[in-house]
Amino acid sequence: MSAITVSGARVRPAHRAQRALAVGAALAAVPFTLWGLRDEYTAALYLVTGPCVAAPLFFVRRAKAFVRACVIVGVSLIPWGVLGVFVGLFLFWPSALVLLLAAIADPRKRPVVARVSAAVGALLLAGVVALSAYFTWHFYVGPATARPHTYRAPVDPGWFHDGLGDADQRLGPYGATTVYGSGSGSDRLSFLEVRFPDDLSQEQRAELKRQIEQLPGITEVELCSVRDCG
C-alpha cells in the first residue's frame, strides 16, 4: 500500500506486517465472540468486545492512527478482561497482545523489533488456532459425533429420596456403571440418568433399558446425547 496525500502532506500507511498481525488479532477474536454469544447474559459484552478488536483495521491507511488504535484497543482489553474474568472476557487477551505487537512491528523504523514482534505474534495466533480447534472438537464436534452411552428418564423430584439407591443396586448387574439424578432449573424437570460402557452390546443395552422402564415411577426412557449427559 503506497503513501497517500492528505492536505498536501504524504501520509504513510501501516506496514503489511502490521496489517497482517491486526487481521490475525481480529480473526483470533471471532471464535471467542461466537462462544460468548451463546449465553443471553454475556452476549452483549461479547458483541461489543469482539468488533472492537477489529477497530485498528479501519486506520491502516495512516500508520500513526493505526498504531494509536492498536495501543488503545490492546491496552483497554487487558483491564476489561480482568473486570470480566468470570464471564470469560480474558479470552480476548491474546488478541490484545497481538495488537500491541502490531503497533511496533514496523520494519521501516525498527527492523529487528519488527521481526521479533511478527514471530511472537505468529506464535500467539498459532496457539489460539490450536486452542480453538481443541475446544471446538472437545465440546462440540466430539460430543455431537460420539455414540451415546447414557439412558435418561424424567422422574418426579421426590423420586430420588427412595428410588435412586434401589435403582443403583438393581441396574448394576445389567451393565449400568453409574446411576445418578440430574435436574434442570429452567423447566423444573428431574431425570434419572443411567450410564453404561461403550462396549455394551445392543442386546445388553436393550435389556438395560427394559430394566429401567420397569422401575417404579418411570414412564419413558431415551438415549441421551454425549453433549447433554456427558
C-alpha atoms as a PDB file:
ATOM      1  CA  MET A   1       0.000   0.000   0.000  1.00  0.00           C
ATOM      2  CA  SER A   2       1.563   3.271  -1.154  1.00  0.00           C
ATOM      3  CA  ALA A   3       1.572   6.531   0.744  1.00  0.00           C
ATOM      4  CA  ILE A   4      -1.407   8.832   0.304  1.00  0.00           C
ATOM      5  CA  THR A   5      -1.599  12.613   0.277  1.00  0.00           C
ATOM      6  CA  VAL A   6      -3.683  14.418   2.898  1.00  0.00           C
ATOM      7  CA  SER A   7      -3.803  18.244   2.875  1.00  0.00           C
ATOM      8  CA  GLY A   8      -0.639  18.361   0.831  1.00  0.00           C
ATOM      9  CA  ALA A   9       1.304  16.041   3.141  1.00  0.00           C
ATOM     10  CA  ARG A  10       2.134  12.450   2.337  1.00  0.00           C
ATOM     11  CA  VAL A  11       0.748  10.029   4.927  1.00  0.00           C
ATOM     12  CA  ARG A  12       2.445   6.672   5.252  1.00  0.00           C
ATOM     13  CA  PRO A  13       0.161   3.646   5.653  1.00  0.00           C
ATOM     14  CA  ALA A  14       0.702   0.822   8.119  1.00  0.00           C
ATOM     15  CA  HIS A  15       3.235  -1.778   7.005  1.00  0.00           C
ATOM     16  CA  ARG A  16       1.872  -5.050   5.648  1.00  0.00           C
ATOM     17  CA  ALA A  17       3.363  -6.917   8.620  1.00  0.00           C
ATOM     18  CA  GLN A  18       1.399  -4.693  10.970  1.00  0.00           C
ATOM     19  CA  ARG A  19      -1.758  -5.185   8.929  1.00  0.00           C
ATOM     20  CA  ALA A  20      -1.274  -8.949   8.953  1.00  0.00           C
ATOM     21  CA  LEU A  21      -0.984  -9.020  12.737  1.00  0.00           C
ATOM     22  CA  ALA A  22      -4.065  -6.819  13.119  1.00  0.00           C
ATOM     23  CA  VAL A  23      -6.048  -9.117  10.840  1.00  0.00           C
ATOM     24  CA  GLY A  24      -4.814 -12.098  12.823  1.00  0.00           C
ATOM     25  CA  ALA A  25      -5.901 -10.463  16.093  1.00  0.00           C
ATOM     26  CA  ALA A  26      -9.377  -9.830  14.697  1.00  0.00           C
ATOM     27  CA  LEU A  27      -9.701 -13.399  13.391  1.00  0.00           C
ATOM     28  CA  ALA A  28      -8.478 -14.795  16.719  1.00  0.00           C
ATOM     29  CA  ALA A  29     -11.330 -12.978  18.456  1.00  0.00           C
ATOM     30  CA  VAL A  30     -14.017 -14.481  16.207  1.00  0.00           C
ATOM     31  CA  PRO A  31     -14.348 -17.939  17.845  1.00  0.00           C
ATOM     32  CA  PHE A  32     -14.395 -16.450  21.337  1.00  0.00           C
ATOM     33  CA  THR A  33     -17.013 -13.889  20.296  1.00  0.00           C
ATOM     34  CA  LEU A  34     -19.222 -16.606  18.848  1.00  0.00           C
ATOM     35  CA  TRP A  35     -18.759 -18.653  22.011  1.00  0.00           C
ATOM     36  CA  GLY A  36     -19.822 -15.713  24.180  1.00  0.00           C
ATOM     37  CA  LEU A  37     -22.944 -15.053  22.110  1.00  0.00           C
ATOM     38  CA  ARG A  38     -24.409 -18.414  23.148  1.00  0.00           C
ATOM     39  CA  ASP A  39     -25.380 -17.007  26.561  1.00  0.00           C
ATOM     40  CA  GLU A  40     -28.001 -14.252  26.630  1.00  0.00           C
ATOM     41  CA  TYR A  41     -26.478 -12.785  29.802  1.00  0.00           C
ATOM     42  CA  THR A  42     -22.996 -12.298  28.289  1.00  0.00           C
ATOM     43  CA  ALA A  43     -23.903 -11.815  24.620  1.00  0.00           C
ATOM     44  CA  ALA A  44     -23.938  -8.013  24.834  1.00  0.00           C
ATOM     45  CA  LEU A  45     -20.442  -7.909  26.341  1.00  0.00           C
ATOM     46  CA  TYR A  46     -19.031 -10.121  23.617  1.00  0.00           C
ATOM     47  CA  LEU A  47     -20.958  -8.315  20.904  1.00  0.00           C
ATOM     48  CA  VAL A  48     -19.220  -5.092  21.946  1.00  0.00           C
ATOM     49  CA  THR A  49     -15.761  -6.505  22.657  1.00  0.00           C
ATOM     50  CA  GLY A  50     -15.350  -8.621  19.525  1.00  0.00           C
ATOM     51  CA  PRO A  51     -15.789  -5.813  16.964  1.00  0.00           C
ATOM     52  CA  CYS A  52     -13.514  -3.518  18.993  1.00  0.00           C
ATOM     53  CA  VAL A  53     -10.608  -5.851  18.246  1.00  0.00           C
ATOM     54  CA  ALA A  54     -11.062  -5.122  14.540  1.00  0.00           C
ATOM     55  CA  ALA A  55     -11.159  -1.322  15.019  1.00  0.00           C
ATOM     56  CA  PRO A  56      -7.471  -0.724  14.067  1.00  0.00           C
ATOM     57  CA  LEU A  57      -8.162  -2.185  10.614  1.00  0.00           C
ATOM     58  CA  PHE A  58     -10.113   0.970   9.781  1.00  0.00           C
ATOM     59  CA  PHE A  59      -6.904   3.020  10.132  1.00  0.00           C
ATOM     60  CA  VAL A  60      -4.454   1.011   8.024  1.00  0.00           C
ATOM     61  CA  ARG A  61      -4.030   3.878   5.531  1.00  0.00           C
ATOM     62  CA  ARG A  62      -2.499   6.036   8.259  1.00  0.00           C
ATOM     63  CA  ALA A  63       0.340   4.430  10.170  1.00  0.00           C
ATOM     64  CA  LYS A  64       0.212   6.783  13.167  1.00  0.00           C
ATOM     65  CA  ALA A  65      -3.549   6.432  13.598  1.00  0.00           C
ATOM     66  CA  PHE A  66      -3.219   2.673  13.166  1.00  0.00           C
ATOM     67  CA  VAL A  67      -0.573   2.447  15.886  1.00  0.00           C
ATOM     68  CA  ARG A  68      -2.655   4.573  18.253  1.00  0.00           C
ATOM     69  CA  ALA A  69      -5.706   2.391  17.633  1.00  0.00           C
ATOM     70  CA  CYS A  70      -3.712  -0.797  18.271  1.00  0.00           C
ATOM     71  CA  VAL A  71      -2.331   0.559  21.532  1.00  0.00           C
ATOM     72  CA  ILE A  72      -5.670   1.911  22.765  1.00  0.00           C
ATOM     73  CA  VAL A  73      -7.594  -1.265  21.996  1.00  0.00           C
ATOM     74  CA  GLY A  74      -4.817  -3.599  23.139  1.00  0.00           C
ATOM     75  CA  VAL A  75      -4.274  -1.834  26.456  1.00  0.00           C
ATOM     76  CA  SER A  76      -8.022  -1.461  27.093  1.00  0.00           C
ATOM     77  CA  LEU A  77      -8.704  -5.156  26.603  1.00  0.00           C
ATOM     78  CA  ILE A  78      -6.375  -6.135  29.448  1.00  0.00           C
ATOM     79  CA  PRO A  79      -8.270  -4.467  32.362  1.00  0.00           C
ATOM     80  CA  TRP A  80     -11.526  -5.232  30.545  1.00  0.00           C
ATOM     81  CA  GLY A  81     -10.606  -8.906  30.730  1.00  0.00           C
ATOM     82  CA  VAL A  82      -9.835  -8.550  34.448  1.00  0.00           C
ATOM     83  CA  LEU A  83     -13.234  -6.976  35.109  1.00  0.00           C
ATOM     84  CA  GLY A  84     -14.977  -9.659  33.085  1.00  0.00           C
ATOM     85  CA  VAL A  85     -12.808 -12.599  34.117  1.00  0.00           C
ATOM     86  CA  PHE A  86     -15.781 -14.550  35.450  1.00  0.00           C
ATOM     87  CA  VAL A  87     -17.627 -14.325  32.121  1.00  0.00           C
ATOM     88  CA  GLY A  88     -14.580 -15.192  30.028  1.00  0.00           C
ATOM     89  CA  LEU A  89     -13.554 -11.792  28.653  1.00  0.00           C
ATOM     90  CA  PHE A  90      -9.928 -12.686  29.384  1.00  0.00           C
ATOM     91  CA  LEU A  91     -10.156 -14.808  26.230  1.00  0.00           C
ATOM     92  CA  PHE A  92      -9.502 -11.611  24.272  1.00  0.00           C
ATOM     93  CA  TRP A  93      -6.076 -11.143  25.860  1.00  0.00           C
ATOM     94  CA  PRO A  94      -4.220 -12.954  23.036  1.00  0.00           C
ATOM     95  CA  SER A  95      -5.794 -10.558  20.537  1.00  0.00           C
ATOM     96  CA  ALA A  96      -4.821  -7.638  22.777  1.00  0.00           C
ATOM     97  CA  LEU A  97      -1.190  -8.791  22.861  1.00  0.00           C
ATOM     98  CA  VAL A  98      -1.116  -9.280  19.090  1.00  0.00           C
ATOM     99  CA  LEU A  99      -2.443  -5.750  18.583  1.00  0.00           C
ATOM    100  CA  LEU A 100       0.276  -4.350  20.845  1.00  0.00           C
ATOM    101  CA  LEU A 101       2.830  -6.293  18.827  1.00  0.00           C
ATOM    102  CA  ALA A 102       1.314  -4.934  15.611  1.00  0.00           C
ATOM    103  CA  ALA A 103       1.883  -1.404  16.897  1.00  0.00           C
ATOM    104  CA  ILE A 104       5.677  -1.940  16.969  1.00  0.00           C
ATOM    105  CA  ALA A 105       6.018  -4.347  14.049  1.00  0.00           C
ATOM    106  CA  ASP A 106       7.082  -1.697  11.515  1.00  0.00           C
ATOM    107  CA  PRO A 107      10.382  -2.773   9.882  1.00  0.00           C
ATOM    108  CA  ARG A 108      10.762   0.673   8.334  1.00  0.00           C
ATOM    109  CA  LYS A 109      11.532   2.022  11.817  1.00  0.00           C
ATOM    110  CA  ARG A 110      12.785  -0.913  13.886  1.00  0.00           C
ATOM    111  CA  PRO A 111      13.698  -3.898  11.675  1.00  0.00           C
ATOM    112  CA  VAL A 112      14.818  -6.213  14.495  1.00  0.00           C
ATOM    113  CA  VAL A 113      11.918  -5.364  16.795  1.00  0.00           C
ATOM    114  CA  ALA A 114       9.515  -5.802  13.895  1.00  0.00           C
ATOM    115  CA  ARG A 115      10.828  -9.293  13.094  1.00  0.00           C
ATOM    116  CA  VAL A 116      10.653 -10.385  16.733  1.00  0.00           C
ATOM    117  CA  SER A 117       7.169  -8.924  17.119  1.00  0.00           C
ATOM    118  CA  ALA A 118       5.955 -10.676  13.985  1.00  0.00           C
ATOM    119  CA  ALA A 119       7.385 -14.000  15.158  1.00  0.00           C
ATOM    120  CA  VAL A 120       5.884 -13.725  18.643  1.00  0.00           C
ATOM    121  CA  GLY A 121       2.549 -12.645  17.193  1.00  0.00           C
ATOM    122  CA  ALA A 122       2.536 -15.603  14.807  1.00  0.00           C
ATOM    123  CA  LEU A 123       3.181 -17.984  17.711  1.00  0.00           C
ATOM    124  CA  LEU A 124       0.352 -16.460  19.730  1.00  0.00           C
ATOM    125  CA  LEU A 125      -2.038 -16.767  16.818  1.00  0.00           C
ATOM    126  CA  ALA A 126      -0.980 -20.368  16.209  1.00  0.00           C
ATOM    127  CA  GLY A 127      -1.693 -21.105  19.861  1.00  0.00           C
ATOM    128  CA  VAL A 128      -5.144 -19.522  19.602  1.00  0.00           C
ATOM    129  CA  VAL A 129      -5.920 -21.588  16.495  1.00  0.00           C
ATOM    130  CA  ALA A 130      -4.808 -24.788  18.241  1.00  0.00           C
ATOM    131  CA  LEU A 131      -6.794 -23.942  21.385  1.00  0.00           C
ATOM    132  CA  SER A 132      -9.910 -23.075  19.380  1.00  0.00           C
ATOM    133  CA  ALA A 133      -9.641 -26.305  17.389  1.00  0.00           C
ATOM    134  CA  TYR A 134      -9.282 -28.369  20.564  1.00  0.00           C
ATOM    135  CA  PHE A 135     -12.153 -26.552  22.272  1.00  0.00           C
ATOM    136  CA  THR A 136     -14.435 -26.981  19.253  1.00  0.00           C
ATOM    137  CA  TRP A 137     -13.656 -30.668  18.951  1.00  0.00           C
ATOM    138  CA  HIS A 138     -13.816 -31.460  22.660  1.00  0.00           C
ATOM    139  CA  PHE A 139     -17.028 -29.596  23.468  1.00  0.00           C
ATOM    140  CA  TYR A 140     -18.945 -29.585  20.183  1.00  0.00           C
ATOM    141  CA  VAL A 141     -17.772 -31.865  17.378  1.00  0.00           C
ATOM    142  CA  GLY A 142     -16.711 -34.778  19.591  1.00  0.00           C
ATOM    143  CA  PRO A 143     -19.892 -34.917  21.702  1.00  0.00           C
ATOM    144  CA  ALA A 144     -22.068 -34.437  18.610  1.00  0.00           C
ATOM    145  CA  THR A 145     -20.474 -37.408  16.837  1.00  0.00           C
ATOM    146  CA  ALA A 146     -19.886 -39.678  19.834  1.00  0.00           C
ATOM    147  CA  ARG A 147     -22.107 -42.684  20.421  1.00  0.00           C
ATOM    148  CA  PRO A 148     -24.496 -42.082  23.351  1.00  0.00           C
ATOM    149  CA  HIS A 149     -23.785 -44.148  26.470  1.00  0.00           C
ATOM    150  CA  THR A 150     -26.435 -42.847  28.855  1.00  0.00           C
ATOM    151  CA  TYR A 151     -30.125 -43.566  29.275  1.00  0.00           C
ATOM    152  CA  ARG A 152     -32.251 -40.776  30.702  1.00  0.00           C
ATOM    153  CA  ALA A 153     -35.764 -40.901  32.126  1.00  0.00           C
ATOM    154  CA  PRO A 154     -37.850 -37.999  33.518  1.00  0.00           C
ATOM    155  CA  VAL A 155     -38.937 -38.537  37.112  1.00  0.00           C
ATOM    156  CA  ASP A 156     -40.682 -36.646  39.878  1.00  0.00           C
ATOM    157  CA  PRO A 157     -38.188 -34.670  42.040  1.00  0.00           C
ATOM    158  CA  GLY A 158     -39.244 -36.613  45.130  1.00  0.00           C
ATOM    159  CA  TRP A 159     -38.440 -39.899  43.404  1.00  0.00           C
ATOM    160  CA  PHE A 160     -34.758 -39.668  44.320  1.00  0.00           C
ATOM    161  CA  HIS A 161     -35.393 -39.922  48.062  1.00  0.00           C
ATOM    162  CA  ASP A 162     -36.491 -43.528  47.814  1.00  0.00           C
ATOM    163  CA  GLY A 163     -35.766 -44.795  44.313  1.00  0.00           C
ATOM    164  CA  LEU A 164     -32.175 -43.875  43.499  1.00  0.00           C
ATOM    165  CA  GLY A 165     -30.462 -46.360  45.804  1.00  0.00           C
ATOM    166  CA  ASP A 166     -32.731 -49.211  44.723  1.00  0.00           C
ATOM    167  CA  ALA A 167     -32.150 -48.342  41.056  1.00  0.00           C
ATOM    168  CA  ASP A 168     -28.369 -48.454  41.523  1.00  0.00           C
ATOM    169  CA  GLN A 169     -28.492 -51.948  43.030  1.00  0.00           C
ATOM    170  CA  ARG A 170     -30.995 -53.259  40.528  1.00  0.00           C
ATOM    171  CA  LEU A 171     -29.356 -51.938  37.340  1.00  0.00           C
ATOM    172  CA  GLY A 172     -25.744 -52.754  38.192  1.00  0.00           C
ATOM    173  CA  PRO A 173     -25.953 -56.407  37.086  1.00  0.00           C
ATOM    174  CA  TYR A 174     -27.341 -55.306  33.719  1.00  0.00           C
ATOM    175  CA  GLY A 175     -24.346 -53.160  32.754  1.00  0.00           C
ATOM    176  CA  ALA A 176     -25.048 -49.841  34.472  1.00  0.00           C
ATOM    177  CA  THR A 177     -21.813 -48.225  35.632  1.00  0.00           C
ATOM    178  CA  THR A 178     -23.283 -45.047  37.133  1.00  0.00           C
ATOM    179  CA  VAL A 179     -26.815 -44.283  38.287  1.00  0.00           C
ATOM    180  CA  TYR A 180     -27.488 -40.697  39.285  1.00  0.00           C
ATOM    181  CA  GLY A 181     -30.025 -37.901  39.170  1.00  0.00           C
ATOM    182  CA  SER A 182     -29.928 -34.512  37.498  1.00  0.00           C
ATOM    183  CA  GLY A 183     -32.232 -31.528  37.368  1.00  0.00           C
ATOM    184  CA  SER A 184     -32.985 -28.506  35.214  1.00  0.00           C
ATOM    185  CA  GLY A 185     -33.747 -25.242  36.960  1.00  0.00           C
ATOM    186  CA  SER A 186     -35.335 -23.678  33.879  1.00  0.00           C
ATOM    187  CA  ASP A 187     -38.173 -26.182  33.459  1.00  0.00           C
ATOM    188  CA  ARG A 188     -38.016 -27.810  36.914  1.00  0.00           C
ATOM    189  CA  LEU A 189     -37.583 -31.289  35.489  1.00  0.00           C
ATOM    190  CA  SER A 190     -35.650 -34.055  37.170  1.00  0.00           C
ATOM    191  CA  PHE A 191     -34.064 -37.010  35.431  1.00  0.00           C
ATOM    192  CA  LEU A 192     -32.730 -40.423  36.284  1.00  0.00           C
ATOM    193  CA  GLU A 193     -29.559 -40.945  34.269  1.00  0.00           C
ATOM    194  CA  VAL A 194     -28.000 -44.377  33.828  1.00  0.00           C
ATOM    195  CA  ARG A 195     -24.573 -44.599  32.243  1.00  0.00           C
ATOM    196  CA  PHE A 196     -23.228 -47.780  30.663  1.00  0.00           C
ATOM    197  CA  PRO A 197     -19.911 -48.727  28.965  1.00  0.00           C
ATOM    198  CA  ASP A 198     -19.399 -48.061  25.265  1.00  0.00           C
ATOM    199  CA  ASP A 199     -18.730 -51.726  24.553  1.00  0.00           C
ATOM    200  CA  LEU A 200     -22.097 -52.882  25.907  1.00  0.00           C
ATOM    201  CA  SER A 201     -23.792 -54.935  23.176  1.00  0.00           C
ATOM    202  CA  GLN A 202     -27.094 -53.962  21.591  1.00  0.00           C
ATOM    203  CA  GLU A 203     -28.840 -56.850  23.327  1.00  0.00           C
ATOM    204  CA  GLN A 204     -27.443 -55.795  26.698  1.00  0.00           C
ATOM    205  CA  ARG A 205     -28.428 -52.179  26.055  1.00  0.00           C
ATOM    206  CA  ALA A 206     -31.960 -53.220  25.209  1.00  0.00           C
ATOM    207  CA  GLU A 207     -32.160 -55.293  28.392  1.00  0.00           C
ATOM    208  CA  LEU A 208     -30.791 -52.440  30.492  1.00  0.00           C
ATOM    209  CA  LYS A 209     -33.399 -50.104  29.018  1.00  0.00           C
ATOM    210  CA  ARG A 210     -36.131 -52.634  29.759  1.00  0.00           C
ATOM    211  CA  GLN A 211     -34.995 -52.874  33.380  1.00  0.00           C
ATOM    212  CA  ILE A 212     -35.062 -49.074  33.717  1.00  0.00           C
ATOM    213  CA  GLU A 213     -38.588 -48.966  32.314  1.00  0.00           C
ATOM    214  CA  GLN A 214     -39.697 -51.443  34.983  1.00  0.00           C
ATOM    215  CA  LEU A 215     -38.588 -49.172  37.829  1.00  0.00           C
ATOM    216  CA  PRO A 216     -41.488 -47.608  39.777  1.00  0.00           C
ATOM    217  CA  GLY A 217     -42.315 -44.106  38.574  1.00  0.00           C
ATOM    218  CA  ILE A 218     -40.529 -44.467  35.208  1.00  0.00           C
ATOM    219  CA  THR A 219     -42.709 -43.867  32.152  1.00  0.00           C
ATOM    220  CA  GLU A 220     -40.223 -43.017  29.378  1.00  0.00           C
ATOM    221  CA  VAL A 221     -36.577 -43.924  28.744  1.00  0.00           C
ATOM    222  CA  GLU A 222     -34.465 -42.465  25.948  1.00  0.00           C
ATOM    223  CA  LEU A 223     -30.836 -42.336  24.934  1.00  0.00           C
ATOM    224  CA  CYS A 224     -29.189 -39.079  25.953  1.00  0.00           C
ATOM    225  CA  SER A 225     -26.559 -37.467  23.745  1.00  0.00           C
ATOM    226  CA  VAL A 226     -23.000 -37.051  24.994  1.00  0.00           C
ATOM    227  CA  ARG A 227     -23.403 -33.283  24.788  1.00  0.00           C
ATOM    228  CA  ASP A 228     -26.346 -33.324  27.213  1.00  0.00           C
ATOM    229  CA  CYS A 229     -25.342 -36.148  29.543  1.00  0.00           C
ATOM    230  CA  GLY A 230     -21.578 -36.391  29.180  1.00  0.00           C
END
